[in-house]
């Protein structure tokens, strides 16, 4: 059986107190534009104010 690939998207915010806060996460089939857009729109609908910086971690195979 072939093993599927999925992406785990995580949002960590920094508050006015300069502390990191876990904001949200989701598991998606791919790191596509549509996946990121849906995730960020969900955060926005929940009232998260975003100033965006993206860090991508890739583990070696």
N, C-alpha and C. Protein backbone atom coordinates (compact mmCIF):
# COMPACT_ATOMS: atom_id res chain seq x y z
N UNK A 1 0.84 -1.17 0.00
CA UNK A 1 0.00 0.00 0.00
C UNK A 1 0.89 1.24 0.00
N UNK A 2 0.61 2.17 -0.90
CA UNK A 2 1.37 3.42 -0.97
C UNK A 2 0.99 4.33 0.17
N UNK A 3 1.96 5.01 0.68
CA UNK A 3 1.73 5.92 1.79
C UNK A 3 1.47 7.32 1.25
N UNK A 4 0.36 7.92 1.66
CA UNK A 4 0.00 9.25 1.19
C UNK A 4 0.81 10.32 1.88
N UNK A 5 0.93 11.43 1.24
CA UNK A 5 1.63 12.57 1.82
C UNK A 5 0.61 13.60 2.24
N UNK A 6 0.81 14.15 3.40
CA UNK A 6 -0.04 15.21 3.90
C UNK A 6 0.83 16.30 4.49
N UNK A 7 0.28 17.48 4.58
CA UNK A 7 0.99 18.61 5.18
C UNK A 7 0.25 19.02 6.45
N UNK A 8 1.00 19.40 7.43
CA UNK A 8 0.46 19.86 8.70
C UNK A 8 0.79 21.34 8.80
N UNK A 9 -0.22 22.19 8.74
CA UNK A 9 -0.02 23.64 8.78
C UNK A 9 -0.32 24.14 10.19
N UNK A 10 0.61 24.91 10.75
CA UNK A 10 0.48 25.41 12.11
C UNK A 10 0.64 26.93 12.12
N UNK A 11 -0.18 27.59 12.91
CA UNK A 11 -0.04 29.04 13.09
C UNK A 11 0.33 29.31 14.55
N UNK A 12 1.44 30.02 14.72
CA UNK A 12 1.88 30.45 16.04
C UNK A 12 2.00 31.97 15.97
N UNK A 13 1.31 32.64 16.87
CA UNK A 13 1.31 34.10 16.87
C UNK A 13 2.16 34.65 17.99
N UNK A 14 2.51 35.92 17.86
CA UNK A 14 3.22 36.64 18.91
C UNK A 14 2.31 37.77 19.36
N UNK A 15 1.99 37.77 20.64
CA UNK A 15 1.08 38.77 21.18
C UNK A 15 1.77 40.07 21.54
N UNK A 16 0.99 41.03 21.99
CA UNK A 16 1.53 42.32 22.43
C UNK A 16 2.52 42.16 23.57
N UNK A 17 2.42 41.03 24.27
CA UNK A 17 3.33 40.74 25.38
C UNK A 17 4.62 40.06 24.92
N UNK A 18 4.81 39.98 23.59
CA UNK A 18 5.98 39.34 22.98
C UNK A 18 6.10 37.85 23.29
N UNK A 19 5.02 37.24 23.72
CA UNK A 19 4.99 35.81 23.99
C UNK A 19 4.36 35.08 22.80
N UNK A 20 4.84 33.88 22.53
CA UNK A 20 4.28 33.08 21.45
C UNK A 20 3.00 32.41 21.93
N UNK A 21 2.01 32.37 21.04
CA UNK A 21 0.72 31.77 21.35
C UNK A 21 0.33 30.84 20.21
N UNK A 22 -0.10 29.63 20.56
CA UNK A 22 -0.61 28.70 19.56
C UNK A 22 -1.95 29.24 19.06
N UNK A 23 -2.09 29.36 17.74
CA UNK A 23 -3.30 29.94 17.17
C UNK A 23 -4.18 28.89 16.50
N UNK A 24 -3.59 27.99 15.75
CA UNK A 24 -4.39 26.97 15.09
C UNK A 24 -3.54 26.02 14.27
N UNK A 25 -4.19 24.96 13.80
CA UNK A 25 -3.51 23.99 12.94
C UNK A 25 -4.53 23.28 12.07
N UNK A 26 -4.04 22.68 11.01
CA UNK A 26 -4.88 21.85 10.15
C UNK A 26 -3.98 20.86 9.41
N UNK A 27 -4.57 19.79 8.98
CA UNK A 27 -3.87 18.79 8.17
C UNK A 27 -4.51 18.83 6.78
N UNK A 28 -3.69 19.00 5.76
CA UNK A 28 -4.20 19.14 4.39
C UNK A 28 -3.51 18.12 3.48
N UNK A 29 -4.09 17.88 2.32
CA UNK A 29 -3.53 16.92 1.37
C UNK A 29 -2.28 17.42 0.68
N UNK A 30 -2.16 18.74 0.56
CA UNK A 30 -0.97 19.32 -0.08
C UNK A 30 -0.80 20.75 0.41
N UNK A 31 0.41 21.27 0.25
CA UNK A 31 0.67 22.65 0.61
C UNK A 31 0.37 23.55 -0.58
N UNK A 32 -0.82 23.47 -1.07
CA UNK A 32 -1.22 24.26 -2.23
C UNK A 32 -1.66 25.65 -1.80
N UNK A 33 -1.77 26.50 -2.78
CA UNK A 33 -2.28 27.86 -2.54
C UNK A 33 -3.66 27.79 -1.88
N UNK A 34 -4.52 26.91 -2.41
CA UNK A 34 -5.88 26.79 -1.89
C UNK A 34 -5.89 26.33 -0.43
N UNK A 35 -4.98 25.42 -0.06
CA UNK A 35 -4.90 24.95 1.32
C UNK A 35 -4.51 26.08 2.27
N UNK A 36 -3.47 26.82 1.88
CA UNK A 36 -3.02 27.95 2.71
C UNK A 36 -4.10 29.02 2.79
N UNK A 37 -4.70 29.33 1.66
CA UNK A 37 -5.73 30.37 1.63
C UNK A 37 -6.90 30.00 2.56
N UNK A 38 -7.37 28.75 2.48
CA UNK A 38 -8.46 28.31 3.34
C UNK A 38 -8.09 28.38 4.81
N UNK A 39 -6.87 27.97 5.15
CA UNK A 39 -6.41 28.01 6.53
C UNK A 39 -6.35 29.45 7.05
N UNK A 40 -5.76 30.34 6.26
CA UNK A 40 -5.64 31.74 6.68
C UNK A 40 -7.00 32.44 6.75
N UNK A 41 -7.90 32.10 5.84
CA UNK A 41 -9.25 32.67 5.89
C UNK A 41 -9.99 32.22 7.14
N UNK A 42 -9.79 30.96 7.53
CA UNK A 42 -10.42 30.46 8.75
C UNK A 42 -9.91 31.23 9.96
N UNK A 43 -8.61 31.48 10.03
CA UNK A 43 -8.05 32.25 11.14
C UNK A 43 -8.63 33.66 11.16
N UNK A 44 -8.73 34.27 9.99
CA UNK A 44 -9.28 35.62 9.89
C UNK A 44 -10.74 35.66 10.35
N UNK A 45 -11.53 34.66 9.96
CA UNK A 45 -12.94 34.60 10.37
C UNK A 45 -13.08 34.43 11.87
N UNK A 46 -12.06 33.84 12.50
CA UNK A 46 -12.08 33.67 13.95
C UNK A 46 -11.58 34.91 14.68
N UNK A 47 -11.21 35.95 13.92
CA UNK A 47 -10.80 37.21 14.53
C UNK A 47 -9.32 37.39 14.74
N UNK A 48 -8.51 36.48 14.17
CA UNK A 48 -7.07 36.60 14.31
C UNK A 48 -6.58 37.72 13.40
N UNK A 49 -5.85 38.67 13.96
CA UNK A 49 -5.26 39.77 13.18
C UNK A 49 -3.88 39.32 12.76
N UNK A 50 -3.63 39.35 11.45
CA UNK A 50 -2.39 38.77 10.94
C UNK A 50 -1.43 39.77 10.35
N UNK A 51 -0.20 39.64 10.75
CA UNK A 51 0.96 40.21 10.07
C UNK A 51 1.79 38.98 9.79
N UNK A 52 1.92 38.62 8.55
CA UNK A 52 2.34 37.28 8.17
C UNK A 52 3.84 37.12 7.95
N UNK A 53 4.40 36.08 8.55
CA UNK A 53 5.76 35.61 8.27
C UNK A 53 5.63 34.10 8.13
N UNK A 54 6.24 33.56 7.11
CA UNK A 54 6.11 32.12 6.86
C UNK A 54 7.46 31.44 7.01
N UNK A 55 7.46 30.34 7.75
CA UNK A 55 8.64 29.51 7.92
C UNK A 55 8.25 28.10 7.50
N UNK A 56 9.02 27.52 6.64
CA UNK A 56 8.71 26.18 6.15
C UNK A 56 9.81 25.22 6.60
N UNK A 57 9.40 24.15 7.28
CA UNK A 57 10.31 23.12 7.74
C UNK A 57 10.13 21.88 6.88
N UNK A 58 11.21 21.39 6.36
CA UNK A 58 11.16 20.16 5.58
C UNK A 58 12.15 19.18 6.18
N UNK A 59 11.66 18.01 6.54
CA UNK A 59 12.51 16.97 7.09
C UNK A 59 13.16 16.20 5.95
N UNK A 60 14.41 15.88 6.09
CA UNK A 60 15.10 15.11 5.07
C UNK A 60 14.52 13.70 4.99
N UNK A 61 14.46 13.17 3.78
CA UNK A 61 13.88 11.84 3.56
C UNK A 61 14.79 10.75 4.04
